[in-house]
Amino acid sequence: MANSDNDERLEIDSPTSLLPDLAQWGIEPVDLGTCLDTAENRRIIRDMKSRYQPVYDANGQPTPFIQVITPEMRQAALAGNKSVILKDDRDKDGDYITGIMLIVEPAADHIVPAWVMAATRHWLDVAEKRRADNNPTYRPALLGPPERCAAKKIDGHRCQNWTNGMATYGDFCRMHQSNRPNGEQELAGHLAKARNRLQTAATAAVDVMEDLMYNATSEVVRKGAADSILDRAGVRGGIEIDSNVMITVNHAEQVRERLAKLREGAIAKASLESRMAGHSTEEENPNEEIAVIVDDDGKEVK
């Protein structure tokens, strides 16, 4: 009988842990991936591009701790739910199964949106109609059954939404198609893309303001960041009102000179208006003939 100490034992590799080492982030962990719920810990978690969720005890009561959720954990959760509808379950960014393969997959009813299943069945009817009528142009607005969106997100992974199979949408879902120039919708697409960028940068902007408020070396910068955060949160301080009244005193001699100039101007204006009125009366009928009475000798009678 062979010695048990010399027996070769199989080593089974355990799955790679996706829980982060919070000590490397500068956070004191209370458990693996769990830390105390403080403003500083939340700021560090956001800086590491991660999220957090509250931790509840066995009775469902909230605790003063938070669970860190990294992007890898979120991606693994989404990929795990949809791995059965991937053409290659090893490629998390690969294509989804479509057409009849999607219809016959039992788990698809619980994972795939209902409108995708309905659109897939409609496409199968259209394809059958094309074959029966030998008319490949039947329903040309439909390019094919719903498929996985071809766009890539900011994190580099492929979008997990579905296309609707319409020719106007191409290989993109409704969200990513609205952010792309498309004829008359070019301006609307650019505006939607700009809004998405602003919303994406909003969290980073808040982190910068918090970092300035806590870590800036200048008191003026820290106060300015705090005032900016309070202002955007709707907490505003009092408004300073200047109640000083400026009084200008004019001497009596200056007033008399001003009145004299006004009087001279009024007299000159009246004289000018009078001359213009008389001149217009004399020239009102310049071609009018004047009748003259003369006697028998041709002399004018006065």
Foldseek 3Di string as FASTA:
>chain_A
DDDPVPDDDDDDDDDDDPFDDCVVLVFDAPDGQKHFDDPVSQLSLVVQVWDWDFDADPVRHTDRMIGIGGPVNVLVVVLVLQLQQFPHSVDSQGKGDAAPVLVPDPSNVVRPDPVLVVLSVVQVVQVVVCVVVVPPCRPVQFQGGKMFAQDADPVRGGDRDIPHRGPQQPRHHPLVSLLPQDVVSRVSNVVSVVVVVCVVCPVVVLSVLVCQLPPPPDPVSNVVSVQVVCVVVVNDDDDDDDPDDDDDDDDPVVVVVVVVVVVVVVVVVVVVVVVVVVVCVVVVPVPDDDDFDADPVRHTDD
